[in-house]
Each structure stands twice: as structure tokens, then as C-alpha cells.
């Protein structure tokens, strides 16, 4: 009887570990769904989602760090994919767009309303923990009611 019980427990444990490893693997494979500018603006309007607009260049060191760190963070990826339309623009190839959004340094990140009206920009590298804060601040429309500093304080109290 003990052997039988031990076998059941061991099998159950292996099954649970296998599921967790599989889930972790799937999360790691998840990527941000990037749109081109025109398709992203249209999708934002059609899906009634705010837009995250990321300007980068292939030569930009901080852009590469953001690509490999921030944009691979599972919580950032999940939050962007669920709540935003993400647009990636190469500022060297699309100079007119970079000029329209007054990109002066890279990376530059814009948050837009569903109607493509500008909400705010955040130039420079954004680490994952800060990115989540910005995304939640914008997505929840908290930017209309309070400062980012107050939002951050209120979030820490919860």
C-alpha cells in the first residue's frame, strides 16, 4: 500500500513540475506584437486600445538594451499585448514620423490615446519595472487624475 501511495505522490509531483516548466517556457516565448505605424494607428482605433509608440535605430545601444531586457520581460510583454497596440518605428528609415513626434534622442517612447492623440512621451531607456508603472498609469487613465509620483505612491500602498 505504501509503495502504491508513494508512486501516486511521485507521479503527481512530476506532473505538476512538468506543467510549470511548460508554462514558464511558453511565457518566455511570448513576444510583443509589434505593428507598423499605419496599421497600429488603425488597430488602436478599431480595437479601442491606447497605443505605445517606440522609436529606435539599429545603431542605438540603449535601444538594444531595451529590446533585450524591457521588451523580453514577461510582465511587460503580457501587459502591452493585452492593453496596448504596440508600434515600433525605426527613426532612420521613417524620418518624417520621427520629426512629427519630435524625436531628439533614442530610444523615445510615446503613449497615445486610442484616437492617436498624444498623451505623453518618455525619452531614454526604460527598465522593466518603470515600464510597467508607466503602462499602468496610462492604461488606467490615472494620468488624467494625478501625477505619476502620486500614482506610484498610491500603488505601493495597495
C-alpha atoms as a PDB file:
ATOM      1  CA  UNK A   1       0.000   0.000   0.000  1.00  0.00           C
ATOM      2  CA  UNK A   2       2.835   2.418   0.851  1.00  0.00           C
ATOM      3  CA  UNK A   3       4.550   1.739  -2.480  1.00  0.00           C
ATOM      4  CA  UNK A   4       1.312   2.464  -4.277  1.00  0.00           C
ATOM      5  CA  UNK A   5       0.795   5.735  -2.353  1.00  0.00           C
ATOM      6  CA  UNK A   6       4.420   6.747  -2.939  1.00  0.00           C
ATOM      7  CA  UNK A   7       4.052   6.094  -6.685  1.00  0.00           C
ATOM      8  CA  UNK A   8       0.899   8.223  -6.873  1.00  0.00           C
ATOM      9  CA  UNK A   9       2.543  11.102  -4.970  1.00  0.00           C
ATOM     10  CA  UNK A  10       5.669  10.954  -7.109  1.00  0.00           C
ATOM     11  CA  UNK A  11       3.638  10.853 -10.333  1.00  0.00           C
ATOM     12  CA  UNK A  12       1.540  13.815  -9.213  1.00  0.00           C
ATOM     13  CA  UNK A  13       4.633  15.815  -8.314  1.00  0.00           C
ATOM     14  CA  UNK A  14       6.272  15.097 -11.672  1.00  0.00           C
ATOM     15  CA  UNK A  15       3.056  16.073 -13.461  1.00  0.00           C
ATOM     16  CA  UNK A  16       2.892  19.428 -11.606  1.00  0.00           C
ATOM     17  CA  UNK A  17       6.566  20.182 -12.271  1.00  0.00           C
ATOM     18  CA  UNK A  18       6.112  19.357 -15.965  1.00  0.00           C
ATOM     19  CA  UNK A  19       3.153  21.730 -16.240  1.00  0.00           C
ATOM     20  CA  UNK A  20       5.076  24.537 -14.508  1.00  0.00           C
ATOM     21  CA  UNK A  21       8.099  24.094 -16.759  1.00  0.00           C
ATOM     22  CA  UNK A  22       5.841  24.086 -19.810  1.00  0.00           C
ATOM     23  CA  UNK A  23       4.065  27.262 -18.662  1.00  0.00           C
ATOM     24  CA  UNK A  24       7.372  29.009 -17.971  1.00  0.00           C
ATOM     25  CA  UNK A  25       8.621  28.026 -21.412  1.00  0.00           C
ATOM     26  CA  UNK A  26       5.511  29.418 -23.085  1.00  0.00           C
ATOM     27  CA  UNK A  27       5.799  32.691 -21.158  1.00  0.00           C
ATOM     28  CA  UNK A  28       9.440  33.051 -22.192  1.00  0.00           C
ATOM     29  CA  UNK A  29       8.468  32.525 -25.851  1.00  0.00           C
ATOM     30  CA  UNK A  30       5.781  35.207 -25.722  1.00  0.00           C
ATOM     31  CA  UNK A  31       6.730  38.299 -27.725  1.00  0.00           C
ATOM     32  CA  UNK A  32       5.301  41.758 -28.156  1.00  0.00           C
ATOM     33  CA  UNK A  33       3.014  42.019 -31.147  1.00  0.00           C
ATOM     34  CA  UNK A  34       4.578  44.951 -32.991  1.00  0.00           C
ATOM     35  CA  UNK A  35       2.701  46.855 -35.673  1.00  0.00           C
ATOM     36  CA  UNK A  36       3.849  49.225 -38.383  1.00  0.00           C
ATOM     37  CA  UNK A  37       2.802  52.822 -37.767  1.00  0.00           C
ATOM     38  CA  UNK A  38      -0.174  52.926 -40.163  1.00  0.00           C
ATOM     39  CA  UNK A  39      -1.520  49.503 -39.177  1.00  0.00           C
ATOM     40  CA  UNK A  40      -1.002  50.218 -35.488  1.00  0.00           C
ATOM     41  CA  UNK A  41      -2.872  53.534 -35.573  1.00  0.00           C
ATOM     42  CA  UNK A  42      -5.748  51.825 -37.412  1.00  0.00           C
ATOM     43  CA  UNK A  43      -5.738  48.916 -34.934  1.00  0.00           C
ATOM     44  CA  UNK A  44      -5.786  51.316 -31.972  1.00  0.00           C
ATOM     45  CA  UNK A  45      -8.930  52.942 -33.322  1.00  0.00           C
ATOM     46  CA  UNK A  46     -10.574  49.656 -34.342  1.00  0.00           C
ATOM     47  CA  UNK A  47      -9.794  47.847 -31.059  1.00  0.00           C
ATOM     48  CA  UNK A  48     -10.278  50.947 -28.878  1.00  0.00           C
ATOM     49  CA  UNK A  49      -6.842  50.480 -27.290  1.00  0.00           C
ATOM     50  CA  UNK A  50      -4.224  53.009 -26.333  1.00  0.00           C
ATOM     51  CA  UNK A  51      -1.020  52.977 -28.360  1.00  0.00           C
ATOM     52  CA  UNK A  52       2.571  52.511 -27.256  1.00  0.00           C
ATOM     53  CA  UNK A  53       4.891  54.028 -29.870  1.00  0.00           C
ATOM     54  CA  UNK A  54       8.591  53.114 -29.687  1.00  0.00           C
ATOM     55  CA  UNK A  55      11.226  54.924 -31.769  1.00  0.00           C
ATOM     56  CA  UNK A  56      14.591  53.177 -32.174  1.00  0.00           C
ATOM     57  CA  UNK A  57      17.562  52.784 -34.514  1.00  0.00           C
ATOM     58  CA  UNK A  58      19.751  49.779 -35.243  1.00  0.00           C
ATOM     59  CA  UNK A  59      22.890  51.609 -34.037  1.00  0.00           C
ATOM     60  CA  UNK A  60      21.356  52.742 -30.715  1.00  0.00           C
ATOM     61  CA  UNK A  61      22.891  50.993 -27.696  1.00  0.00           C
ATOM     62  CA  UNK A  62      20.087  51.785 -25.251  1.00  0.00           C
ATOM     63  CA  UNK A  63      17.536  50.666 -27.858  1.00  0.00           C
ATOM     64  CA  UNK A  64      19.257  47.270 -27.945  1.00  0.00           C
ATOM     65  CA  UNK A  65      19.236  47.045 -24.143  1.00  0.00           C
ATOM     66  CA  UNK A  66      15.543  47.901 -24.117  1.00  0.00           C
ATOM     67  CA  UNK A  67      14.885  45.302 -26.809  1.00  0.00           C
ATOM     68  CA  UNK A  68      16.764  42.582 -24.920  1.00  0.00           C
ATOM     69  CA  UNK A  69      15.691  43.469 -21.397  1.00  0.00           C
ATOM     70  CA  UNK A  70      12.493  45.519 -21.167  1.00  0.00           C
ATOM     71  CA  UNK A  71      10.757  44.063 -24.209  1.00  0.00           C
ATOM     72  CA  UNK A  72      11.555  40.493 -23.134  1.00  0.00           C
ATOM     73  CA  UNK A  73      10.279  40.926 -19.572  1.00  0.00           C
ATOM     74  CA  UNK A  74       7.230  38.652 -19.313  1.00  0.00           C
ATOM     75  CA  UNK A  75       5.139  41.158 -17.344  1.00  0.00           C
ATOM     76  CA  UNK A  76       5.881  43.969 -19.837  1.00  0.00           C
ATOM     77  CA  UNK A  77       5.136  41.714 -22.807  1.00  0.00           C
ATOM     78  CA  UNK A  78       1.861  40.481 -21.305  1.00  0.00           C
ATOM     79  CA  UNK A  79       0.697  43.969 -20.284  1.00  0.00           C
ATOM     80  CA  UNK A  80       1.499  45.518 -23.658  1.00  0.00           C
ATOM     81  CA  UNK A  81      -0.135  42.710 -25.632  1.00  0.00           C
ATOM     82  CA  UNK A  82      -3.286  42.778 -23.513  1.00  0.00           C
ATOM     83  CA  UNK A  83      -3.806  46.525 -23.092  1.00  0.00           C
ATOM     84  CA  UNK A  84      -1.987  48.390 -25.874  1.00  0.00           C
ATOM     85  CA  UNK A  85      -1.302  48.395 -29.571  1.00  0.00           C
ATOM     86  CA  UNK A  86       2.496  48.462 -29.831  1.00  0.00           C
ATOM     87  CA  UNK A  87       4.141  50.258 -32.723  1.00  0.00           C
ATOM     88  CA  UNK A  88       7.855  50.105 -33.479  1.00  0.00           C
ATOM     89  CA  UNK A  89       9.381  52.799 -35.708  1.00  0.00           C
ATOM     90  CA  UNK A  90      12.952  52.886 -36.999  1.00  0.00           C
ATOM     91  CA  UNK A  91      13.723  56.605 -36.846  1.00  0.00           C
ATOM     92  CA  UNK A  92      16.457  56.328 -39.506  1.00  0.00           C
ATOM     93  CA  UNK A  93      14.050  54.812 -42.025  1.00  0.00           C
ATOM     94  CA  UNK A  94      10.975  56.864 -41.110  1.00  0.00           C
ATOM     95  CA  UNK A  95      12.406  60.324 -40.608  1.00  0.00           C
ATOM     96  CA  UNK A  96       9.108  62.123 -41.217  1.00  0.00           C
ATOM     97  CA  UNK A  97       7.485  60.245 -38.324  1.00  0.00           C
ATOM     98  CA  UNK A  98      10.470  60.909 -36.075  1.00  0.00           C
ATOM     99  CA  UNK A  99      10.166  64.590 -36.939  1.00  0.00           C
ATOM    100  CA  UNK A 100       6.380  64.588 -36.354  1.00  0.00           C
ATOM    101  CA  UNK A 101       6.949  63.214 -32.823  1.00  0.00           C
ATOM    102  CA  UNK A 102       9.973  65.469 -32.240  1.00  0.00           C
ATOM    103  CA  UNK A 103      12.351  62.614 -31.597  1.00  0.00           C
ATOM    104  CA  UNK A 104      15.643  64.159 -30.454  1.00  0.00           C
ATOM    105  CA  UNK A 105      17.298  61.119 -28.896  1.00  0.00           C
ATOM    106  CA  UNK A 106      16.814  57.389 -28.834  1.00  0.00           C
ATOM    107  CA  UNK A 107      15.017  55.455 -27.679  1.00  0.00           C
ATOM    108  CA  UNK A 108      11.940  57.665 -27.486  1.00  0.00           C
ATOM    109  CA  UNK A 109       8.613  56.267 -26.345  1.00  0.00           C
ATOM    110  CA  UNK A 110       5.197  57.823 -26.820  1.00  0.00           C
ATOM    111  CA  UNK A 111       1.866  56.932 -25.284  1.00  0.00           C
ATOM    112  CA  UNK A 112      -1.129  57.796 -27.459  1.00  0.00           C
ATOM    113  CA  UNK A 113      -4.888  57.721 -26.998  1.00  0.00           C
ATOM    114  CA  UNK A 114      -6.979  55.275 -28.994  1.00  0.00           C
ATOM    115  CA  UNK A 115      -7.645  58.138 -31.404  1.00  0.00           C
ATOM    116  CA  UNK A 116      -3.854  58.620 -31.844  1.00  0.00           C
ATOM    117  CA  UNK A 117      -3.797  61.878 -29.852  1.00  0.00           C
ATOM    118  CA  UNK A 118      -0.586  62.346 -27.876  1.00  0.00           C
ATOM    119  CA  UNK A 119      -0.726  61.666 -24.128  1.00  0.00           C
ATOM    120  CA  UNK A 120       2.932  61.782 -23.113  1.00  0.00           C
ATOM    121  CA  UNK A 121       6.430  60.847 -24.173  1.00  0.00           C
ATOM    122  CA  UNK A 122       9.248  59.272 -22.229  1.00  0.00           C
ATOM    123  CA  UNK A 123      12.678  59.546 -23.878  1.00  0.00           C
ATOM    124  CA  UNK A 124      15.536  57.224 -22.979  1.00  0.00           C
ATOM    125  CA  UNK A 125      15.928  53.688 -21.753  1.00  0.00           C
ATOM    126  CA  UNK A 126      13.079  52.423 -19.558  1.00  0.00           C
ATOM    127  CA  UNK A 127      13.787  49.422 -17.311  1.00  0.00           C
ATOM    128  CA  UNK A 128      11.013  46.810 -16.964  1.00  0.00           C
ATOM    129  CA  UNK A 129       9.800  47.904 -13.501  1.00  0.00           C
ATOM    130  CA  UNK A 130       9.425  51.524 -14.667  1.00  0.00           C
ATOM    131  CA  UNK A 131       7.801  50.451 -17.917  1.00  0.00           C
ATOM    132  CA  UNK A 132       5.084  48.554 -16.038  1.00  0.00           C
ATOM    133  CA  UNK A 133       4.454  51.630 -13.904  1.00  0.00           C
ATOM    134  CA  UNK A 134       4.091  53.872 -16.986  1.00  0.00           C
ATOM    135  CA  UNK A 135       1.874  51.361 -18.782  1.00  0.00           C
ATOM    136  CA  UNK A 136      -0.496  51.036 -15.817  1.00  0.00           C
ATOM    137  CA  UNK A 137      -0.532  54.807 -15.268  1.00  0.00           C
ATOM    138  CA  UNK A 138      -1.550  55.398 -18.891  1.00  0.00           C
ATOM    139  CA  UNK A 139      -3.849  52.388 -19.351  1.00  0.00           C
ATOM    140  CA  UNK A 140      -5.935  53.158 -16.254  1.00  0.00           C
ATOM    141  CA  UNK A 141      -6.308  56.831 -17.289  1.00  0.00           C
ATOM    142  CA  UNK A 142      -4.679  57.791 -13.999  1.00  0.00           C
ATOM    143  CA  UNK A 143      -2.660  60.406 -15.910  1.00  0.00           C
ATOM    144  CA  UNK A 144      -5.896  62.424 -16.105  1.00  0.00           C
ATOM    145  CA  UNK A 145      -6.364  62.477 -12.323  1.00  0.00           C
ATOM    146  CA  UNK A 146      -2.917  62.542 -10.717  1.00  0.00           C
ATOM    147  CA  UNK A 147       0.815  62.783 -11.208  1.00  0.00           C
ATOM    148  CA  UNK A 148       2.952  59.745 -11.862  1.00  0.00           C
ATOM    149  CA  UNK A 149       4.596  60.301  -8.485  1.00  0.00           C
ATOM    150  CA  UNK A 150       1.237  60.141  -6.673  1.00  0.00           C
ATOM    151  CA  UNK A 151       0.186  57.129  -8.733  1.00  0.00           C
ATOM    152  CA  UNK A 152       3.394  55.356  -7.757  1.00  0.00           C
ATOM    153  CA  UNK A 153       2.851  56.154  -4.060  1.00  0.00           C
ATOM    154  CA  UNK A 154      -0.789  55.014  -4.144  1.00  0.00           C
ATOM    155  CA  UNK A 155       0.199  51.812  -5.925  1.00  0.00           C
ATOM    156  CA  UNK A 156       2.748  50.986  -3.226  1.00  0.00           C
ATOM    157  CA  UNK A 157       0.094  51.332  -0.524  1.00  0.00           C
ATOM    158  CA  UNK A 158      -2.169  48.732  -2.092  1.00  0.00           C
END
